Amino acid sequence: MTGLNSSEFSRAFSRLLQKAGTSCYQISQYSHLDQAYLSRLKRGERCSPSPETVLKICLAVVHCSEKVSLFDVDEFFNSAGIFLFEHNPSHDSGAKLTQNIATKLTEPDLE
């Protein structure tokens, strides 16, 4: 992911956790990601998470809270430089999202 802004990602991660009412600890329990790594991502001390890591975080957040919407997930992915949606209302967003996720997870990170 080129041009990733770690402060943008850390703000988005913090907002997502706050909206969900969950913590890095809870996310680590569900996602099996290291809690210290998640905390560093949240503080902006680490950047460039892989698409798989971002997906694991999103799945864990959605698992922990019904307050998080698909739009929150899209915003979070965007903060990591991953664009799931073609922002075009004429497309079937669900099908496009599924296709884009599959594509993003199979593409190698180009840094």
PDB file of N, CA and C in Angstrom:
ATOM      1  N   MET A   1       0.843  -1.170   0.000  1.00  0.00           N
ATOM      2  CA  MET A   1       0.000   0.000   0.000  1.00  0.00           C
ATOM      3  C   MET A   1       0.883   1.225   0.000  1.00  0.00           C
ATOM      4  N   THR A   2       0.854   1.923  -1.032  1.00  0.00           N
ATOM      5  CA  THR A   2       1.693   3.102  -1.107  1.00  0.00           C
ATOM      6  C   THR A   2       0.908   4.311  -0.657  1.00  0.00           C
ATOM      7  N   GLY A   3       1.606   5.291  -0.097  1.00  0.00           N
ATOM      8  CA  GLY A   3       0.982   6.528   0.301  1.00  0.00           C
ATOM      9  C   GLY A   3       0.080   6.395   1.523  1.00  0.00           C
ATOM     10  N   LEU A   4       0.279   5.355   2.303  1.00  0.00           N
ATOM     11  CA  LEU A   4      -0.549   5.148   3.475  1.00  0.00           C
ATOM     12  C   LEU A   4      -0.221   6.182   4.530  1.00  0.00           C
ATOM     13  N   ASN A   5      -1.244   6.812   5.051  1.00  0.00           N
ATOM     14  CA  ASN A   5      -1.084   7.801   6.099  1.00  0.00           C
ATOM     15  C   ASN A   5      -1.405   7.118   7.422  1.00  0.00           C
ATOM     16  N   SER A   6      -0.375   6.868   8.241  1.00  0.00           N
ATOM     17  CA  SER A   6      -0.592   6.122   9.488  1.00  0.00           C
ATOM     18  C   SER A   6      -1.492   6.884  10.447  1.00  0.00           C
ATOM     19  N   SER A   7      -1.430   8.223  10.461  1.00  0.00           N
ATOM     20  CA  SER A   7      -2.294   8.957  11.374  1.00  0.00           C
ATOM     21  C   SER A   7      -3.756   8.855  10.932  1.00  0.00           C
ATOM     22  N   GLU A   8      -4.002   8.828   9.619  1.00  0.00           N
ATOM     23  CA  GLU A   8      -5.376   8.652   9.126  1.00  0.00           C
ATOM     24  C   GLU A   8      -5.896   7.277   9.520  1.00  0.00           C
ATOM     25  N   PHE A   9      -5.069   6.266   9.346  1.00  0.00           N
ATOM     26  CA  PHE A   9      -5.474   4.909   9.712  1.00  0.00           C
ATOM     27  C   PHE A   9      -5.698   4.801  11.210  1.00  0.00           C
ATOM     28  N   SER A  10      -4.802   5.353  12.022  1.00  0.00           N
ATOM     29  CA  SER A  10      -4.956   5.235  13.478  1.00  0.00           C
ATOM     30  C   SER A  10      -6.207   5.969  13.956  1.00  0.00           C
ATOM     31  N   ARG A  11      -6.519   7.118  13.344  1.00  0.00           N
ATOM     32  CA  ARG A  11      -7.758   7.820  13.711  1.00  0.00           C
ATOM     33  C   ARG A  11      -8.985   6.987  13.330  1.00  0.00           C
ATOM     34  N   ALA A  12      -8.951   6.394  12.143  1.00  0.00           N
ATOM     35  CA  ALA A  12     -10.071   5.563  11.697  1.00  0.00           C
ATOM     36  C   ALA A  12     -10.222   4.339  12.606  1.00  0.00           C
ATOM     37  N   PHE A  13      -9.116   3.742  12.997  1.00  0.00           N
ATOM     38  CA  PHE A  13      -9.149   2.582  13.882  1.00  0.00           C
ATOM     39  C   PHE A  13      -9.723   2.977  15.242  1.00  0.00           C
ATOM     40  N   SER A  14      -9.281   4.093  15.779  1.00  0.00           N
ATOM     41  CA  SER A  14      -9.796   4.570  17.062  1.00  0.00           C
ATOM     42  C   SER A  14     -11.295   4.843  16.989  1.00  0.00           C
ATOM     43  N   ARG A  15     -11.731   5.499  15.907  1.00  0.00           N
ATOM     44  CA  ARG A  15     -13.165   5.780  15.730  1.00  0.00           C
ATOM     45  C   ARG A  15     -13.972   4.484  15.644  1.00  0.00           C
ATOM     46  N   LEU A  16     -13.444   3.521  14.915  1.00  0.00           N
ATOM     47  CA  LEU A  16     -14.134   2.248  14.753  1.00  0.00           C
ATOM     48  C   LEU A  16     -14.281   1.532  16.095  1.00  0.00           C
ATOM     49  N   LEU A  17     -13.210   1.497  16.872  1.00  0.00           N
ATOM     50  CA  LEU A  17     -13.266   0.859  18.190  1.00  0.00           C
ATOM     51  C   LEU A  17     -14.237   1.593  19.109  1.00  0.00           C
ATOM     52  N   GLN A  18     -14.188   2.924  19.067  1.00  0.00           N
ATOM     53  CA  GLN A  18     -15.065   3.714  19.921  1.00  0.00           C
ATOM     54  C   GLN A  18     -16.531   3.486  19.544  1.00  0.00           C
ATOM     55  N   LYS A  19     -16.824   3.516  18.253  1.00  0.00           N
ATOM     56  CA  LYS A  19     -18.204   3.302  17.805  1.00  0.00           C
ATOM     57  C   LYS A  19     -18.694   1.922  18.212  1.00  0.00           C
ATOM     58  N   ALA A  20     -17.833   0.929  18.098  1.00  0.00           N
ATOM     59  CA  ALA A  20     -18.203  -0.443  18.438  1.00  0.00           C
ATOM     60  C   ALA A  20     -18.260  -0.670  19.941  1.00  0.00           C
ATOM     61  N   GLY A  21     -17.619   0.223  20.697  1.00  0.00           N
ATOM     62  CA  GLY A  21     -17.576   0.031  22.142  1.00  0.00           C
ATOM     63  C   GLY A  21     -16.720  -1.154  22.528  1.00  0.00           C
ATOM     64  N   THR A  22     -15.633  -1.335  21.798  1.00  0.00           N
ATOM     65  CA  THR A  22     -14.760  -2.484  22.038  1.00  0.00           C
ATOM     66  C   THR A  22     -13.314  -2.004  22.190  1.00  0.00           C
ATOM     67  N   SER A  23     -12.423  -2.925  22.459  1.00  0.00           N
ATOM     68  CA  SER A  23     -11.021  -2.583  22.716  1.00  0.00           C
ATOM     69  C   SER A  23     -10.086  -3.421  21.850  1.00  0.00           C
ATOM     70  N   CYS A  24      -8.828  -3.011  21.842  1.00  0.00           N
ATOM     71  CA  CYS A  24      -7.815  -3.800  21.124  1.00  0.00           C
ATOM     72  C   CYS A  24      -7.739  -5.210  21.699  1.00  0.00           C
ATOM     73  N   TYR A  25      -7.911  -5.323  23.008  1.00  0.00           N
ATOM     74  CA  TYR A  25      -7.881  -6.648  23.641  1.00  0.00           C
ATOM     75  C   TYR A  25      -8.986  -7.542  23.074  1.00  0.00           C
ATOM     76  N   GLN A  26     -10.207  -7.019  23.012  1.00  0.00           N
ATOM     77  CA  GLN A  26     -11.319  -7.820  22.492  1.00  0.00           C
ATOM     78  C   GLN A  26     -11.101  -8.172  21.023  1.00  0.00           C
ATOM     79  N   ILE A  27     -10.583  -7.231  20.253  1.00  0.00           N
ATOM     80  CA  ILE A  27     -10.317  -7.489  18.839  1.00  0.00           C
ATOM     81  C   ILE A  27      -9.245  -8.566  18.711  1.00  0.00           C
ATOM     82  N   SER A  28      -8.224  -8.501  19.549  1.00  0.00           N
ATOM     83  CA  SER A  28      -7.147  -9.500  19.478  1.00  0.00           C
ATOM     84  C   SER A  28      -7.666 -10.892  19.830  1.00  0.00           C
ATOM     85  N   GLN A  29      -8.606 -10.975  20.765  1.00  0.00           N
ATOM     86  CA  GLN A  29      -9.152 -12.268  21.159  1.00  0.00           C
ATOM     87  C   GLN A  29      -9.891 -12.938  20.007  1.00  0.00           C
ATOM     88  N   TYR A  30     -10.630 -12.170  19.234  1.00  0.00           N
ATOM     89  CA  TYR A  30     -11.407 -12.737  18.133  1.00  0.00           C
ATOM     90  C   TYR A  30     -10.556 -12.929  16.876  1.00  0.00           C
ATOM     91  N   SER A  31      -9.668 -11.970  16.594  1.00  0.00           N
ATOM     92  CA  SER A  31      -8.917 -11.992  15.331  1.00  0.00           C
ATOM     93  C   SER A  31      -7.619 -12.791  15.409  1.00  0.00           C
ATOM     94  N   HIS A  32      -7.160 -13.074  16.627  1.00  0.00           N
ATOM     95  CA  HIS A  32      -5.873 -13.739  16.856  1.00  0.00           C
ATOM     96  C   HIS A  32      -4.710 -12.879  16.388  1.00  0.00           C
ATOM     97  N   LEU A  33      -4.920 -11.557  16.324  1.00  0.00           N
ATOM     98  CA  LEU A  33      -3.834 -10.624  16.064  1.00  0.00           C
ATOM     99  C   LEU A  33      -3.254 -10.212  17.416  1.00  0.00           C
ATOM    100  N   ASP A  34      -1.971  -9.908  17.437  1.00  0.00           N
ATOM    101  CA  ASP A  34      -1.292  -9.527  18.666  1.00  0.00           C
ATOM    102  C   ASP A  34      -1.868  -8.216  19.214  1.00  0.00           C
ATOM    103  N   GLN A  35      -2.238  -8.216  20.485  1.00  0.00           N
ATOM    104  CA  GLN A  35      -2.826  -7.033  21.105  1.00  0.00           C
ATOM    105  C   GLN A  35      -1.857  -5.846  21.072  1.00  0.00           C
ATOM    106  N   ALA A  36      -0.590  -6.081  21.307  1.00  0.00           N
ATOM    107  CA  ALA A  36       0.392  -4.987  21.286  1.00  0.00           C
ATOM    108  C   ALA A  36       0.489  -4.382  19.880  1.00  0.00           C
ATOM    109  N   TYR A  37       0.449  -5.224  18.865  1.00  0.00           N
ATOM    110  CA  TYR A  37       0.476  -4.736  17.483  1.00  0.00           C
ATOM    111  C   TYR A  37      -0.759  -3.879  17.203  1.00  0.00           C
ATOM    112  N   LEU A  38      -1.932  -4.344  17.626  1.00  0.00           N
ATOM    113  CA  LEU A  38      -3.156  -3.572  17.427  1.00  0.00           C
ATOM    114  C   LEU A  38      -3.075  -2.230  18.147  1.00  0.00           C
ATOM    115  N   SER A  39      -2.526  -2.224  19.341  1.00  0.00           N
ATOM    116  CA  SER A  39      -2.378  -0.974  20.097  1.00  0.00           C
ATOM    117  C   SER A  39      -1.440  -0.009  19.380  1.00  0.00           C
ATOM    118  N   ARG A  40      -0.361  -0.542  18.804  1.00  0.00           N
ATOM    119  CA  ARG A  40       0.567   0.323  18.053  1.00  0.00           C
ATOM    120  C   ARG A  40      -0.099   0.868  16.797  1.00  0.00           C
ATOM    121  N   LEU A  41      -0.916   0.056  16.128  1.00  0.00           N
ATOM    122  CA  LEU A  41      -1.670   0.550  14.967  1.00  0.00           C
ATOM    123  C   LEU A  41      -2.608   1.677  15.389  1.00  0.00           C
ATOM    124  N   LYS A  42      -3.266   1.488  16.502  1.00  0.00           N
ATOM    125  CA  LYS A  42      -4.220   2.485  17.002  1.00  0.00           C
ATOM    126  C   LYS A  42      -3.529   3.795  17.357  1.00  0.00           C
ATOM    127  N   ARG A  43      -2.331   3.717  17.903  1.00  0.00           N
ATOM    128  CA  ARG A  43      -1.578   4.922  18.285  1.00  0.00           C
ATOM    129  C   ARG A  43      -0.819   5.541  17.116  1.00  0.00           C
ATOM    130  N   GLY A  44      -0.815   4.872  15.972  1.00  0.00           N
ATOM    131  CA  GLY A  44      -0.093   5.398  14.814  1.00  0.00           C
ATOM    132  C   GLY A  44       1.386   5.082  14.818  1.00  0.00           C
ATOM    133  N   GLU A  45       1.801   4.195  15.696  1.00  0.00           N
ATOM    134  CA  GLU A  45       3.211   3.808  15.782  1.00  0.00           C
ATOM    135  C   GLU A  45       3.578   2.759  14.744  1.00  0.00           C
ATOM    136  N   ARG A  46       2.598   2.094  14.206  1.00  0.00           N
ATOM    137  CA  ARG A  46       2.784   1.127  13.122  1.00  0.00           C
ATOM    138  C   ARG A  46       1.853   1.524  11.992  1.00  0.00           C
ATOM    139  N   CYS A  47       2.256   1.215  10.783  1.00  0.00           N
ATOM    140  CA  CYS A  47       1.392   1.507   9.642  1.00  0.00           C
ATOM    141  C   CYS A  47       1.545   0.389   8.622  1.00  0.00           C
ATOM    142  N   SER A  48       0.870   0.543   7.514  1.00  0.00           N
ATOM    143  CA  SER A  48       0.901  -0.425   6.414  1.00  0.00           C
ATOM    144  C   SER A  48       0.409  -1.812   6.795  1.00  0.00           C
ATOM    145  N   PRO A  49      -0.747  -1.898   7.468  1.00  0.00           N
ATOM    146  CA  PRO A  49      -1.269  -3.240   7.729  1.00  0.00           C
ATOM    147  C   PRO A  49      -1.666  -3.898   6.413  1.00  0.00           C
ATOM    148  N   SER A  50      -1.512  -5.190   6.358  1.00  0.00           N
ATOM    149  CA  SER A  50      -1.884  -5.920   5.146  1.00  0.00           C
ATOM    150  C   SER A  50      -3.406  -5.911   4.993  1.00  0.00           C
ATOM    151  N   PRO A  51      -3.898  -6.144   3.779  1.00  0.00           N
ATOM    152  CA  PRO A  51      -5.354  -6.252   3.599  1.00  0.00           C
ATOM    153  C   PRO A  51      -5.959  -7.341   4.495  1.00  0.00           C
ATOM    154  N   GLU A  52      -5.226  -8.431   4.703  1.00  0.00           N
ATOM    155  CA  GLU A  52      -5.720  -9.501   5.569  1.00  0.00           C
ATOM    156  C   GLU A  52      -5.883  -9.014   7.006  1.00  0.00           C
ATOM    157  N   THR A  53      -4.930  -8.215   7.485  1.00  0.00           N
ATOM    158  CA  THR A  53      -5.014  -7.672   8.844  1.00  0.00           C
ATOM    159  C   THR A  53      -6.205  -6.739   8.976  1.00  0.00           C
ATOM    160  N   VAL A  54      -6.393  -5.871   7.996  1.00  0.00           N
ATOM    161  CA  VAL A  54      -7.526  -4.941   8.035  1.00  0.00           C
ATOM    162  C   VAL A  54      -8.834  -5.720   8.027  1.00  0.00           C
ATOM    163  N   LEU A  55      -8.908  -6.762   7.216  1.00  0.00           N
ATOM    164  CA  LEU A  55     -10.111  -7.590   7.161  1.00  0.00           C
ATOM    165  C   LEU A  55     -10.350  -8.293   8.494  1.00  0.00           C
ATOM    166  N   LYS A  56      -9.307  -8.837   9.106  1.00  0.00           N
ATOM    167  CA  LYS A  56      -9.457  -9.494  10.405  1.00  0.00           C
ATOM    168  C   LYS A  56      -9.966  -8.516  11.459  1.00  0.00           C
ATOM    169  N   ILE A  57      -9.428  -7.302  11.448  1.00  0.00           N
ATOM    170  CA  ILE A  57      -9.889  -6.284  12.395  1.00  0.00           C
ATOM    171  C   ILE A  57     -11.370  -6.002  12.166  1.00  0.00           C
ATOM    172  N   CYS A  58     -11.752  -5.794  10.910  1.00  0.00           N
ATOM    173  CA  CYS A  58     -13.152  -5.487  10.593  1.00  0.00           C
ATOM    174  C   CYS A  58     -14.082  -6.619  10.998  1.00  0.00           C
ATOM    175  N   LEU A  59     -13.713  -7.839  10.696  1.00  0.00           N
ATOM    176  CA  LEU A  59     -14.555  -8.979  11.075  1.00  0.00           C
ATOM    177  C   LEU A  59     -14.693  -9.078  12.585  1.00  0.00           C
ATOM    178  N   ALA A  60     -13.620  -8.822  13.301  1.00  0.00           N
ATOM    179  CA  ALA A  60     -13.673  -8.866  14.762  1.00  0.00           C
ATOM    180  C   ALA A  60     -14.559  -7.753  15.314  1.00  0.00           C
ATOM    181  N   VAL A  61     -14.446  -6.557  14.753  1.00  0.00           N
ATOM    182  CA  VAL A  61     -15.266  -5.435  15.214  1.00  0.00           C
ATOM    183  C   VAL A  61     -16.737  -5.716  14.947  1.00  0.00           C
ATOM    184  N   VAL A  62     -17.040  -6.204  13.751  1.00  0.00           N
ATOM    185  CA  VAL A  62     -18.427  -6.524  13.407  1.00  0.00           C
ATOM    186  C   VAL A  62     -18.954  -7.635  14.321  1.00  0.00           C
ATOM    187  N   HIS A  63     -18.107  -8.585  14.642  1.00  0.00           N
ATOM    188  CA  HIS A  63     -18.489  -9.666  15.556  1.00  0.00           C
ATOM    189  C   HIS A  63     -18.810  -9.119  16.953  1.00  0.00           C
ATOM    190  N   CYS A  64     -18.038  -8.133  17.395  1.00  0.00           N
ATOM    191  CA  CYS A  64     -18.176  -7.599  18.754  1.00  0.00           C
ATOM    192  C   CYS A  64     -19.301  -6.579  18.904  1.00  0.00           C
ATOM    193  N   SER A  65     -19.776  -6.014  17.797  1.00  0.00           N
ATOM    194  CA  SER A  65     -20.751  -4.932  17.922  1.00  0.00           C
ATOM    195  C   SER A  65     -21.688  -4.854  16.728  1.00  0.00           C
ATOM    196  N   GLU A  66     -22.944  -4.644  17.027  1.00  0.00           N
ATOM    197  CA  GLU A  66     -23.933  -4.428  15.974  1.00  0.00           C
ATOM    198  C   GLU A  66     -23.993  -2.954  15.570  1.00  0.00           C
ATOM    199  N   LYS A  67     -23.237  -2.093  16.237  1.00  0.00           N
ATOM    200  CA  LYS A  67     -23.260  -0.660  15.970  1.00  0.00           C
ATOM    201  C   LYS A  67     -22.460  -0.271  14.729  1.00  0.00           C
ATOM    202  N   VAL A  68     -21.648  -1.174  14.229  1.00  0.00           N
ATOM    203  CA  VAL A  68     -20.765  -0.890  13.100  1.00  0.00           C
ATOM    204  C   VAL A  68     -21.466  -1.274  11.806  1.00  0.00           C
ATOM    205  N   SER A  69     -21.472  -0.343  10.845  1.00  0.00           N
ATOM    206  CA  SER A  69     -22.149  -0.575   9.565  1.00  0.00           C
ATOM    207  C   SER A  69     -21.142  -0.892   8.461  1.00  0.00           C
ATOM    208  N   LEU A  70     -21.667  -1.279   7.327  1.00  0.00           N
ATOM    209  CA  LEU A  70     -20.832  -1.521   6.152  1.00  0.00           C
ATOM    210  C   LEU A  70     -20.087  -0.249   5.746  1.00  0.00           C
ATOM    211  N   PHE A  71     -20.717   0.895   5.944  1.00  0.00           N
ATOM    212  CA  PHE A  71     -20.056   2.157   5.619  1.00  0.00           C
ATOM    213  C   PHE A  71     -18.872   2.422   6.537  1.00  0.00           C
ATOM    214  N   ASP A  72     -18.979   2.033   7.812  1.00  0.00           N
ATOM    215  CA  ASP A  72     -17.850   2.161   8.735  1.00  0.00           C
ATOM    216  C   ASP A  72     -16.694   1.277   8.284  1.00  0.00           C
ATOM    217  N   VAL A  73     -17.016   0.073   7.855  1.00  0.00           N
ATOM    218  CA  VAL A  73     -15.996  -0.863   7.370  1.00  0.00           C
ATOM    219  C   VAL A  73     -15.322  -0.292   6.121  1.00  0.00           C
ATOM    220  N   ASP A  74     -16.120   0.258   5.200  1.00  0.00           N
ATOM    221  CA  ASP A  74     -15.573   0.852   3.984  1.00  0.00           C
ATOM    222  C   ASP A  74     -14.633   2.006   4.320  1.00  0.00           C
ATOM    223  N   GLU A  75     -15.031   2.866   5.241  1.00  0.00           N
ATOM    224  CA  GLU A  75     -14.188   3.990   5.652  1.00  0.00           C
ATOM    225  C   GLU A  75     -12.875   3.500   6.252  1.00  0.00           C
ATOM    226  N   PHE A  76     -12.948   2.436   7.051  1.00  0.00           N
ATOM    227  CA  PHE A  76     -11.758   1.873   7.675  1.00  0.00           C
ATOM    228  C   PHE A  76     -10.806   1.314   6.629  1.00  0.00           C
ATOM    229  N   PHE A  77     -11.335   0.555   5.683  1.00  0.00           N
ATOM    230  CA  PHE A  77     -10.494   0.047   4.594  1.00  0.00           C
ATOM    231  C   PHE A  77      -9.879   1.204   3.810  1.00  0.00           C
ATOM    232  N   ASN A  78     -10.666   2.234   3.507  1.00  0.00           N
ATOM    233  CA  ASN A  78     -10.148   3.383   2.766  1.00  0.00           C
ATOM    234  C   ASN A  78      -8.977   4.023   3.490  1.00  0.00           C
ATOM    235  N   SER A  79      -9.035   4.086   4.829  1.00  0.00           N
ATOM    236  CA  SER A  79      -7.946   4.698   5.596  1.00  0.00           C
ATOM    237  C   SER A  79      -6.656   3.902   5.466  1.00  0.00           C
ATOM    238  N   ALA A  80      -6.776   2.621   5.093  1.00  0.00           N
ATOM    239  CA  ALA A  80      -5.599   1.773   4.889  1.00  0.00           C
ATOM    240  C   ALA A  80      -5.169   1.760   3.423  1.00  0.00           C
ATOM    241  N   GLY A  81      -5.826   2.591   2.612  1.00  0.00           N
ATOM    242  CA  GLY A  81      -5.478   2.653   1.199  1.00  0.00           C
ATOM    243  C   GLY A  81      -6.091   1.538   0.378  1.00  0.00           C
ATOM    244  N   ILE A  82      -7.139   0.896   0.905  1.00  0.00           N
ATOM    245  CA  ILE A  82      -7.812  -0.204   0.220  1.00  0.00           C
ATOM    246  C   ILE A  82      -9.229   0.270  -0.089  1.00  0.00           C
ATOM    247  N   PHE A  83      -9.580   0.308  -1.363  1.00  0.00           N
ATOM    248  CA  PHE A  83     -10.877   0.820  -1.763  1.00  0.00           C
ATOM    249  C   PHE A  83     -11.741  -0.327  -2.264  1.00  0.00           C
ATOM    250  N   LEU A  84     -12.718  -0.691  -1.444  1.00  0.00           N
ATOM    251  CA  LEU A  84     -13.572  -1.834  -1.733  1.00  0.00           C
ATOM    252  C   LEU A  84     -14.693  -1.490  -2.691  1.00  0.00           C
ATOM    253  N   PHE A  85     -15.223  -0.301  -2.564  1.00  0.00           N
ATOM    254  CA  PHE A  85     -16.372   0.107  -3.363  1.00  0.00           C
ATOM    255  C   PHE A  85     -15.954   0.988  -4.512  1.00  0.00           C
ATOM    256  N   GLU A  86     -16.593   0.797  -5.633  1.00  0.00           N
ATOM    257  CA  GLU A  86     -16.576   1.809  -6.670  1.00  0.00           C
ATOM    258  C   GLU A  86     -17.744   2.695  -6.293  1.00  0.00           C
ATOM    259  N   HIS A  87     -17.493   3.905  -5.938  1.00  0.00           N
ATOM    260  CA  HIS A  87     -18.551   4.775  -5.442  1.00  0.00           C
ATOM    261  C   HIS A  87     -19.426   5.241  -6.594  1.00  0.00           C
ATOM    262  N   ASN A  88     -20.218   4.298  -7.095  1.00  0.00           N
ATOM    263  CA  ASN A  88     -21.127   4.533  -8.209  1.00  0.00           C
ATOM    264  C   ASN A  88     -22.456   3.886  -7.857  1.00  0.00           C
ATOM    265  N   PRO A  89     -23.497   4.702  -7.634  1.00  0.00           N
ATOM    266  CA  PRO A  89     -24.771   4.145  -7.184  1.00  0.00           C
ATOM    267  C   PRO A  89     -25.431   3.179  -8.156  1.00  0.00           C
ATOM    268  N   SER A  90     -24.998   3.140  -9.418  1.00  0.00           N
ATOM    269  CA  SER A  90     -25.634   2.248 -10.383  1.00  0.00           C
ATOM    270  C   SER A  90     -25.159   0.802 -10.254  1.00  0.00           C
ATOM    271  N   HIS A  91     -24.098   0.551  -9.484  1.00  0.00           N
ATOM    272  CA  HIS A  91     -23.583  -0.809  -9.308  1.00  0.00           C
ATOM    273  C   HIS A  91     -24.255  -1.489  -8.129  1.00  0.00           C
ATOM    274  N   ASP A  92     -24.305  -2.802  -8.184  1.00  0.00           N
ATOM    275  CA  ASP A  92     -24.775  -3.599  -7.060  1.00  0.00           C
ATOM    276  C   ASP A  92     -23.642  -3.642  -6.037  1.00  0.00           C
ATOM    277  N   SER A  93     -23.774  -2.847  -4.970  1.00  0.00           N
ATOM    278  CA  SER A  93     -22.691  -2.691  -4.002  1.00  0.00           C
ATOM    279  C   SER A  93     -22.276  -3.994  -3.346  1.00  0.00           C
ATOM    280  N   GLY A  94     -23.231  -4.854  -2.996  1.00  0.00           N
ATOM    281  CA  GLY A  94     -22.883  -6.107  -2.334  1.00  0.00           C
ATOM    282  C   GLY A  94     -22.026  -6.999  -3.200  1.00  0.00           C
ATOM    283  N   ALA A  95     -22.417  -7.164  -4.464  1.00  0.00           N
ATOM    284  CA  ALA A  95     -21.640  -8.003  -5.380  1.00  0.00           C
ATOM    285  C   ALA A  95     -20.273  -7.378  -5.638  1.00  0.00           C
ATOM    286  N   LYS A  96     -20.242  -6.063  -5.817  1.00  0.00           N
ATOM    287  CA  LYS A  96     -18.983  -5.379  -6.088  1.00  0.00           C
ATOM    288  C   LYS A  96     -18.059  -5.473  -4.881  1.00  0.00           C
ATOM    289  N   LEU A  97     -18.613  -5.327  -3.680  1.00  0.00           N
ATOM    290  CA  LEU A  97     -17.815  -5.430  -2.464  1.00  0.00           C
ATOM    291  C   LEU A  97     -17.172  -6.808  -2.372  1.00  0.00           C
ATOM    292  N   THR A  98     -17.942  -7.854  -2.596  1.00  0.00           N
ATOM    293  CA  THR A  98     -17.419  -9.215  -2.536  1.00  0.00           C
ATOM    294  C   THR A  98     -16.309  -9.415  -3.557  1.00  0.00           C
ATOM    295  N   GLN A  99     -16.525  -8.938  -4.769  1.00  0.00           N
ATOM    296  CA  GLN A  99     -15.514  -9.067  -5.813  1.00  0.00           C
ATOM    297  C   GLN A  99     -14.256  -8.286  -5.447  1.00  0.00           C
ATOM    298  N   ASN A 100     -14.419  -7.077  -4.947  1.00  0.00           N
ATOM    299  CA  ASN A 100     -13.261  -6.257  -4.593  1.00  0.00           C
ATOM    300  C   ASN A 100     -12.477  -6.846  -3.428  1.00  0.00           C
ATOM    301  N   ILE A 101     -13.167  -7.381  -2.429  1.00  0.00           N
ATOM    302  CA  ILE A 101     -12.471  -8.007  -1.303  1.00  0.00           C
ATOM    303  C   ILE A 101     -11.652  -9.191  -1.802  1.00  0.00           C
ATOM    304  N   ALA A 102     -12.241 -10.027  -2.636  1.00  0.00           N
ATOM    305  CA  ALA A 102     -11.514 -11.182  -3.168  1.00  0.00           C
ATOM    306  C   ALA A 102     -10.284 -10.738  -3.943  1.00  0.00           C
ATOM    307  N   THR A 103     -10.418  -9.696  -4.741  1.00  0.00           N
ATOM    308  CA  THR A 103      -9.293  -9.181  -5.516  1.00  0.00           C
ATOM    309  C   THR A 103      -8.211  -8.620  -4.606  1.00  0.00           C
ATOM    310  N   LYS A 104      -8.592  -7.814  -3.618  1.00  0.00           N
ATOM    311  CA  LYS A 104      -7.618  -7.172  -2.716  1.00  0.00           C
ATOM    312  C   LYS A 104      -6.853  -8.200  -1.898  1.00  0.00           C
ATOM    313  N   LEU A 105      -7.522  -9.283  -1.517  1.00  0.00           N
ATOM    314  CA  LEU A 105      -6.849 -10.279  -0.692  1.00  0.00           C
ATOM    315  C   LEU A 105      -5.910 -11.159  -1.502  1.00  0.00           C
ATOM    316  N   THR A 106      -6.066 -11.184  -2.802  1.00  0.00           N
ATOM    317  CA  THR A 106      -5.166 -11.990  -3.622  1.00  0.00           C
ATOM    318  C   THR A 106      -4.050 -11.166  -4.235  1.00  0.00           C
ATOM    319  N   GLU A 107      -4.162  -9.832  -4.190  1.00  0.00           N
ATOM    320  CA  GLU A 107      -3.113  -8.976  -4.736  1.00  0.00           C
ATOM    321  C   GLU A 107      -1.972  -8.869  -3.724  1.00  0.00           C
ATOM    322  N   PRO A 108      -0.731  -8.919  -4.171  1.00  0.00           N
ATOM    323  CA  PRO A 108       0.381  -8.747  -3.242  1.00  0.00           C
ATOM    324  C   PRO A 108       0.478  -7.266  -2.842  1.00  0.00           C
ATOM    325  N   ASP A 109       0.953  -7.014  -1.613  1.00  0.00           N
ATOM    326  CA  ASP A 109       1.212  -5.642  -1.186  1.00  0.00           C
ATOM    327  C   ASP A 109       2.395  -5.115  -1.973  1.00  0.00           C
ATOM    328  N   LEU A 110       2.238  -3.974  -2.597  1.00  0.00           N
ATOM    329  CA  LEU A 110       3.323  -3.345  -3.342  1.00  0.00           C
ATOM    330  C   LEU A 110       3.775  -2.121  -2.583  1.00  0.00           C
ATOM    331  N   GLU A 111       4.864  -2.266  -1.872  1.00  0.00           N
ATOM    332  CA  GLU A 111       5.354  -1.142  -1.068  1.00  0.00           C
ATOM    333  C   GLU A 111       6.676  -0.678  -1.590  1.00  0.00           C
TER     334      GLU A 111
END
